[in-house]
Structure formats: structure tokens, C-alpha cells
Amino acid sequence: MSWLSSLEADAPDVVACWRLADALRPLRRELHRRVVPGSAMRILEQQEAVAAALGSVLDSLPEEALCAPGGEEDWNVAQAFAHTTAARRFLAAWAALSAAGKWPAADPPRVRPSVPGPPDLSRAELHVLLDKSRASQRASAQAIAGHELDRCALDHPLIGRLRCGEWLLFVGVHDLMHLEQLDRLARGG
């Protein structure tokens, strides 16, 4: 996987955790090990590298491929890509809410896995979503900085609860799951 080896130098924590993503317990242990006080900005730098890889694979796909099967359930590529950018945006933002002590008591955010994005977005619209996710991650990392080890109120039905900084890192693991699918599609497989 050439995309992975080139990304590993710029996002070593994300890639190391992604390698363990098939087993929940080892993944949680690795997230815990790699998130330390003061690590939010280091993780953000790695998330920027992942975002660049997402943008690159998006640009490598022909326009008609955006409506082709996207490697996730019955979603097309546009739906899978928009889902990925939404997770980048909201999981980190929700962890930042918790880190800032602003978690809403009434109707708190809830993770709903397997929610596809819109099916008919253009490449330009998907780039806008990617840019929004990058801005959200920057703001979230700043809010999480100094609170990396705080217990986060966000509960995921599959992964459970993580610390605030671990959510920031986990977002990259989720990105790589979809980046692998998109890279395979871009290579015609």
C-alpha cells in the first residue's frame, strides 16, 4: 500500500493505531499510549497529512467515479467521502465541547455510525466539506490542548468512551479506513 507508507512518515501515530483497528482492545490501548499531555497539536499535524491524502485521492478519481460504489455498504464514493469528512468534523468538535466543559446535559451529541453523506456531491463540493473538516479539527485541537487526558462525555456505540485527545487521534484512524477504500477504487479495484 504505497499510500500508507508515504503517509506513515507524516502521521505515525494515526497509522500505528489504524494497524490495530480490527481489534478494539489493542486499538484503545494504543490510542491511550500515544495520547499524552500536550499531544493535541502533534496529532493535528498528522490529521493535516491525512486530510491532504484524502484530498489527493479525491482528485485522482474521475468525476464519474463519485457516483460509483464507494466500498462501504451500498454507498457511492461521494457518500463515503462526505461521511468521512463529517466524522472528521463532528467527532473532534464534540470531544472539544467536552474538553471545554460545554457538554450539553439536554440532548447531547450522539454518534450514529454508518450514516452516508449525500449521494450527488461534486468533487468541488466534497473539497468544501474536507476544508470544513480541516477548520473544525484545527479549532477542536486548540480546545483539546491541555485537556488531552480528560475523560470525554462522547460515547460511541462501537468504540465506547475515550479521552478527549484520543478522540482527536481516533478520527484519523476512521479516515484511514475510508482512505484505504478510496485508494483501492482509484486504482481500479
C-alpha atoms as a PDB file:
ATOM      1  CA  MET A   1       0.000   0.000   0.000  1.00  0.00           C
ATOM      2  CA  SER A   2       2.021   2.928  -1.279  1.00  0.00           C
ATOM      3  CA  TRP A   3      -0.447   5.476   0.138  1.00  0.00           C
ATOM      4  CA  LEU A   4       0.142   4.058   3.615  1.00  0.00           C
ATOM      5  CA  SER A   5       3.928   4.005   3.503  1.00  0.00           C
ATOM      6  CA  SER A   6       4.048   7.585   2.241  1.00  0.00           C
ATOM      7  CA  LEU A   7       1.580   8.683   4.934  1.00  0.00           C
ATOM      8  CA  GLU A   8       3.316   6.826   7.764  1.00  0.00           C
ATOM      9  CA  ALA A   9       6.214   9.292   7.895  1.00  0.00           C
ATOM     10  CA  ASP A  10       3.842  12.247   8.353  1.00  0.00           C
ATOM     11  CA  ALA A  11       1.195  10.540  10.505  1.00  0.00           C
ATOM     12  CA  PRO A  12       2.949   7.801  12.512  1.00  0.00           C
ATOM     13  CA  ASP A  13       0.507   7.783  15.435  1.00  0.00           C
ATOM     14  CA  VAL A  14      -2.521   7.596  13.162  1.00  0.00           C
ATOM     15  CA  VAL A  15      -1.044   4.787  11.066  1.00  0.00           C
ATOM     16  CA  ALA A  16       0.095   2.793  14.122  1.00  0.00           C
ATOM     17  CA  CYS A  17      -3.398   2.954  15.606  1.00  0.00           C
ATOM     18  CA  TRP A  18      -5.034   2.159  12.262  1.00  0.00           C
ATOM     19  CA  ARG A  19      -2.973  -1.022  12.016  1.00  0.00           C
ATOM     20  CA  LEU A  20      -4.761  -2.188  15.191  1.00  0.00           C
ATOM     21  CA  ALA A  21      -8.263  -1.040  14.193  1.00  0.00           C
ATOM     22  CA  ASP A  22      -9.565  -4.566  13.633  1.00  0.00           C
ATOM     23  CA  ALA A  23      -9.252  -5.337  17.356  1.00  0.00           C
ATOM     24  CA  LEU A  24     -10.959  -2.921  19.721  1.00  0.00           C
ATOM     25  CA  ARG A  25      -8.944  -3.638  22.861  1.00  0.00           C
ATOM     26  CA  PRO A  26      -5.480  -3.222  21.279  1.00  0.00           C
ATOM     27  CA  LEU A  27      -6.695  -0.118  19.421  1.00  0.00           C
ATOM     28  CA  ARG A  28      -7.927   1.502  22.635  1.00  0.00           C
ATOM     29  CA  ARG A  29      -4.637   0.622  24.355  1.00  0.00           C
ATOM     30  CA  GLU A  30      -2.617   2.173  21.519  1.00  0.00           C
ATOM     31  CA  LEU A  31      -4.744   5.335  21.470  1.00  0.00           C
ATOM     32  CA  HIS A  32      -4.219   5.601  25.224  1.00  0.00           C
ATOM     33  CA  ARG A  33      -0.455   5.110  24.877  1.00  0.00           C
ATOM     34  CA  ARG A  34       0.001   7.695  22.134  1.00  0.00           C
ATOM     35  CA  VAL A  35      -2.113  10.499  23.592  1.00  0.00           C
ATOM     36  CA  VAL A  36      -0.141  12.332  26.252  1.00  0.00           C
ATOM     37  CA  PRO A  37      -0.342  15.820  27.764  1.00  0.00           C
ATOM     38  CA  GLY A  38       0.466  18.363  25.074  1.00  0.00           C
ATOM     39  CA  SER A  39      -0.094  15.983  22.135  1.00  0.00           C
ATOM     40  CA  ALA A  40      -3.132  17.684  20.555  1.00  0.00           C
ATOM     41  CA  MET A  41      -1.137  19.885  18.196  1.00  0.00           C
ATOM     42  CA  ARG A  42       1.135  16.975  17.180  1.00  0.00           C
ATOM     43  CA  ILE A  43      -1.972  14.937  16.387  1.00  0.00           C
ATOM     44  CA  LEU A  44      -3.421  17.872  14.445  1.00  0.00           C
ATOM     45  CA  GLU A  45      -0.293  17.962  12.248  1.00  0.00           C
ATOM     46  CA  GLN A  46      -0.833  14.292  11.492  1.00  0.00           C
ATOM     47  CA  GLN A  47      -4.506  14.914  10.758  1.00  0.00           C
ATOM     48  CA  GLU A  48      -3.456  17.554   8.242  1.00  0.00           C
ATOM     49  CA  ALA A  49      -1.328  14.945   6.470  1.00  0.00           C
ATOM     50  CA  VAL A  50      -4.316  12.584   6.411  1.00  0.00           C
ATOM     51  CA  ALA A  51      -6.545  15.368   5.048  1.00  0.00           C
ATOM     52  CA  ALA A  52      -4.010  16.021   2.288  1.00  0.00           C
ATOM     53  CA  ALA A  53      -4.079  12.310   1.400  1.00  0.00           C
ATOM     54  CA  LEU A  54      -7.882  12.368   1.316  1.00  0.00           C
ATOM     55  CA  GLY A  55      -7.795  15.400  -0.988  1.00  0.00           C
ATOM     56  CA  SER A  56      -5.234  13.729  -3.206  1.00  0.00           C
ATOM     57  CA  VAL A  57      -7.230  10.527  -3.633  1.00  0.00           C
ATOM     58  CA  LEU A  58     -10.365  12.570  -4.310  1.00  0.00           C
ATOM     59  CA  ASP A  59      -8.517  14.422  -7.076  1.00  0.00           C
ATOM     60  CA  SER A  60      -7.262  11.147  -8.550  1.00  0.00           C
ATOM     61  CA  LEU A  61     -10.775   9.815  -9.119  1.00  0.00           C
ATOM     62  CA  PRO A  62     -12.551  10.566 -12.388  1.00  0.00           C
ATOM     63  CA  GLU A  63     -15.723  12.632 -11.886  1.00  0.00           C
ATOM     64  CA  GLU A  64     -17.962   9.705 -12.852  1.00  0.00           C
ATOM     65  CA  ALA A  65     -16.368   7.595 -10.097  1.00  0.00           C
ATOM     66  CA  LEU A  66     -18.041   9.792  -7.475  1.00  0.00           C
ATOM     67  CA  CYS A  67     -21.315   8.008  -8.260  1.00  0.00           C
ATOM     68  CA  ALA A  68     -19.695   4.548  -8.346  1.00  0.00           C
ATOM     69  CA  PRO A  69     -19.878   2.120  -5.423  1.00  0.00           C
ATOM     70  CA  GLY A  70     -17.807   3.544  -2.573  1.00  0.00           C
ATOM     71  CA  GLY A  71     -16.609   0.467  -0.732  1.00  0.00           C
ATOM     72  CA  GLU A  72     -18.911   0.968   2.288  1.00  0.00           C
ATOM     73  CA  GLU A  73     -22.285  -0.778   2.449  1.00  0.00           C
ATOM     74  CA  ASP A  74     -24.268   0.356  -0.614  1.00  0.00           C
ATOM     75  CA  TRP A  75     -22.854   3.894  -0.580  1.00  0.00           C
ATOM     76  CA  ASN A  76     -21.308   5.581  -3.560  1.00  0.00           C
ATOM     77  CA  VAL A  77     -17.918   7.335  -3.400  1.00  0.00           C
ATOM     78  CA  ALA A  78     -19.446  10.757  -2.730  1.00  0.00           C
ATOM     79  CA  GLN A  79     -21.463   9.361   0.178  1.00  0.00           C
ATOM     80  CA  ALA A  80     -18.420   7.623   1.691  1.00  0.00           C
ATOM     81  CA  PHE A  81     -16.228  10.718   1.306  1.00  0.00           C
ATOM     82  CA  ALA A  82     -18.855  13.044   2.801  1.00  0.00           C
ATOM     83  CA  HIS A  83     -19.341  10.585   5.687  1.00  0.00           C
ATOM     84  CA  THR A  84     -15.599  10.656   6.331  1.00  0.00           C
ATOM     85  CA  THR A  85     -15.437  14.452   6.388  1.00  0.00           C
ATOM     86  CA  ALA A  86     -18.464  14.613   8.701  1.00  0.00           C
ATOM     87  CA  ALA A  87     -16.788  12.240  11.157  1.00  0.00           C
ATOM     88  CA  ARG A  88     -13.573  14.340  10.994  1.00  0.00           C
ATOM     89  CA  ARG A  89     -15.583  17.430  11.712  1.00  0.00           C
ATOM     90  CA  PHE A  90     -18.028  16.331  14.365  1.00  0.00           C
ATOM     91  CA  LEU A  91     -16.191  13.715  16.442  1.00  0.00           C
ATOM     92  CA  ALA A  92     -13.351  16.151  17.091  1.00  0.00           C
ATOM     93  CA  ALA A  93     -15.756  19.053  17.719  1.00  0.00           C
ATOM     94  CA  TRP A  94     -17.749  17.004  20.215  1.00  0.00           C
ATOM     95  CA  ALA A  95     -14.566  15.995  22.041  1.00  0.00           C
ATOM     96  CA  ALA A  96     -13.638  19.695  22.140  1.00  0.00           C
ATOM     97  CA  LEU A  97     -17.037  20.522  23.660  1.00  0.00           C
ATOM     98  CA  SER A  98     -16.374  18.018  26.407  1.00  0.00           C
ATOM     99  CA  ALA A  99     -12.807  19.278  26.931  1.00  0.00           C
ATOM    100  CA  ALA A 100     -14.118  22.830  27.307  1.00  0.00           C
ATOM    101  CA  GLY A 101     -16.723  21.733  29.865  1.00  0.00           C
ATOM    102  CA  LYS A 102     -19.556  22.635  27.492  1.00  0.00           C
ATOM    103  CA  TRP A 103     -21.113  19.209  27.060  1.00  0.00           C
ATOM    104  CA  PRO A 104     -24.890  19.730  26.877  1.00  0.00           C
ATOM    105  CA  ALA A 105     -26.860  17.957  29.589  1.00  0.00           C
ATOM    106  CA  ALA A 106     -30.020  18.040  27.500  1.00  0.00           C
ATOM    107  CA  ASP A 107     -29.902  16.267  24.138  1.00  0.00           C
ATOM    108  CA  PRO A 108     -26.127  15.653  23.978  1.00  0.00           C
ATOM    109  CA  PRO A 109     -24.496  14.764  20.646  1.00  0.00           C
ATOM    110  CA  ARG A 110     -24.850  11.110  19.705  1.00  0.00           C
ATOM    111  CA  VAL A 111     -22.657   9.156  17.336  1.00  0.00           C
ATOM    112  CA  ARG A 112     -24.600   7.411  14.623  1.00  0.00           C
ATOM    113  CA  PRO A 113     -22.234   5.120  12.740  1.00  0.00           C
ATOM    114  CA  SER A 114     -22.925   4.189   9.161  1.00  0.00           C
ATOM    115  CA  VAL A 115     -24.656   7.386   8.119  1.00  0.00           C
ATOM    116  CA  PRO A 116     -23.817   8.131   4.474  1.00  0.00           C
ATOM    117  CA  GLY A 117     -23.304  11.596   3.098  1.00  0.00           C
ATOM    118  CA  PRO A 118     -25.381  12.996   0.209  1.00  0.00           C
ATOM    119  CA  PRO A 119     -25.138  10.824  -2.936  1.00  0.00           C
ATOM    120  CA  ASP A 120     -24.754  13.523  -5.583  1.00  0.00           C
ATOM    121  CA  LEU A 121     -21.975  15.849  -4.454  1.00  0.00           C
ATOM    122  CA  SER A 122     -19.419  17.094  -6.944  1.00  0.00           C
ATOM    123  CA  ARG A 123     -15.669  16.982  -6.414  1.00  0.00           C
ATOM    124  CA  ALA A 124     -15.716  20.715  -5.618  1.00  0.00           C
ATOM    125  CA  GLU A 125     -18.457  20.224  -3.017  1.00  0.00           C
ATOM    126  CA  LEU A 126     -16.536  17.339  -1.446  1.00  0.00           C
ATOM    127  CA  HIS A 127     -13.441  19.562  -1.249  1.00  0.00           C
ATOM    128  CA  VAL A 128     -15.532  22.173   0.578  1.00  0.00           C
ATOM    129  CA  LEU A 129     -16.537  19.504   3.112  1.00  0.00           C
ATOM    130  CA  LEU A 130     -12.906  18.456   3.504  1.00  0.00           C
ATOM    131  CA  ASP A 131     -11.876  22.082   4.089  1.00  0.00           C
ATOM    132  CA  LYS A 132     -14.622  22.474   6.700  1.00  0.00           C
ATOM    133  CA  SER A 133     -13.382  19.343   8.450  1.00  0.00           C
ATOM    134  CA  ARG A 134      -9.842  20.732   8.495  1.00  0.00           C
ATOM    135  CA  ALA A 135     -11.011  24.015  10.029  1.00  0.00           C
ATOM    136  CA  SER A 136     -13.070  22.134  12.599  1.00  0.00           C
ATOM    137  CA  GLN A 137     -10.113  19.944  13.503  1.00  0.00           C
ATOM    138  CA  ARG A 138      -7.865  22.988  13.998  1.00  0.00           C
ATOM    139  CA  ALA A 139     -10.400  24.628  16.323  1.00  0.00           C
ATOM    140  CA  SER A 140     -11.029  21.346  18.122  1.00  0.00           C
ATOM    141  CA  ALA A 141      -7.333  20.604  18.642  1.00  0.00           C
ATOM    142  CA  GLN A 142      -6.861  24.057  20.168  1.00  0.00           C
ATOM    143  CA  ALA A 143      -9.755  23.430  22.580  1.00  0.00           C
ATOM    144  CA  ILE A 144      -8.488  19.931  23.433  1.00  0.00           C
ATOM    145  CA  ALA A 145      -4.892  21.120  24.000  1.00  0.00           C
ATOM    146  CA  GLY A 146      -4.212  20.860  27.721  1.00  0.00           C
ATOM    147  CA  HIS A 147      -7.214  18.537  28.116  1.00  0.00           C
ATOM    148  CA  GLU A 148      -5.947  15.552  26.127  1.00  0.00           C
ATOM    149  CA  LEU A 149      -6.275  13.212  29.110  1.00  0.00           C
ATOM    150  CA  ASP A 150      -9.691  14.457  30.248  1.00  0.00           C
ATOM    151  CA  ARG A 151     -12.423  11.857  30.132  1.00  0.00           C
ATOM    152  CA  CYS A 152     -14.739  12.705  27.254  1.00  0.00           C
ATOM    153  CA  ALA A 153     -18.506  12.545  27.562  1.00  0.00           C
ATOM    154  CA  LEU A 154     -18.862  11.332  23.959  1.00  0.00           C
ATOM    155  CA  ASP A 155     -19.955   7.702  23.736  1.00  0.00           C
ATOM    156  CA  HIS A 156     -19.582   5.729  20.519  1.00  0.00           C
ATOM    157  CA  PRO A 157     -21.729   2.600  20.133  1.00  0.00           C
ATOM    158  CA  LEU A 158     -18.758   0.604  18.800  1.00  0.00           C
ATOM    159  CA  ILE A 159     -15.669   2.072  20.481  1.00  0.00           C
ATOM    160  CA  GLY A 160     -17.236   3.315  23.718  1.00  0.00           C
ATOM    161  CA  ARG A 161     -15.772   6.265  25.605  1.00  0.00           C
ATOM    162  CA  LEU A 162     -12.323   7.714  25.044  1.00  0.00           C
ATOM    163  CA  ARG A 163     -10.383  10.607  26.489  1.00  0.00           C
ATOM    164  CA  CYS A 164     -10.646  13.921  24.619  1.00  0.00           C
ATOM    165  CA  GLY A 165      -7.251  13.644  22.920  1.00  0.00           C
ATOM    166  CA  GLU A 166      -7.912  10.036  21.994  1.00  0.00           C
ATOM    167  CA  TRP A 167     -10.958  11.149  20.009  1.00  0.00           C
ATOM    168  CA  LEU A 168      -8.780  13.534  18.034  1.00  0.00           C
ATOM    169  CA  LEU A 169      -6.453  10.652  17.164  1.00  0.00           C
ATOM    170  CA  PHE A 170      -9.281   8.171  16.542  1.00  0.00           C
ATOM    171  CA  VAL A 171     -10.707  10.442  13.853  1.00  0.00           C
ATOM    172  CA  GLY A 172      -7.552   9.772  11.844  1.00  0.00           C
ATOM    173  CA  VAL A 173      -7.994   6.016  12.265  1.00  0.00           C
ATOM    174  CA  HIS A 174     -11.516   6.336  10.881  1.00  0.00           C
ATOM    175  CA  ASP A 175     -10.158   8.435   8.000  1.00  0.00           C
ATOM    176  CA  LEU A 176      -7.638   5.739   7.073  1.00  0.00           C
ATOM    177  CA  MET A 177     -10.368   3.102   6.956  1.00  0.00           C
ATOM    178  CA  HIS A 178     -12.083   5.129   4.251  1.00  0.00           C
ATOM    179  CA  LEU A 179      -8.851   6.269   2.609  1.00  0.00           C
ATOM    180  CA  GLU A 180      -7.954   2.622   2.059  1.00  0.00           C
ATOM    181  CA  GLN A 181     -11.320   2.056   0.333  1.00  0.00           C
ATOM    182  CA  LEU A 182     -10.974   5.173  -1.808  1.00  0.00           C
ATOM    183  CA  ASP A 183      -7.382   4.356  -2.802  1.00  0.00           C
ATOM    184  CA  ARG A 184      -8.462   0.869  -3.875  1.00  0.00           C
ATOM    185  CA  LEU A 185     -11.238   2.416  -6.005  1.00  0.00           C
ATOM    186  CA  ALA A 186      -8.859   4.976  -7.500  1.00  0.00           C
ATOM    187  CA  ARG A 187      -6.570   2.126  -8.582  1.00  0.00           C
ATOM    188  CA  GLY A 188      -9.500   0.384 -10.245  1.00  0.00           C
ATOM    189  CA  GLY A 189     -10.035  -2.328  -7.636  1.00  0.00           C
END
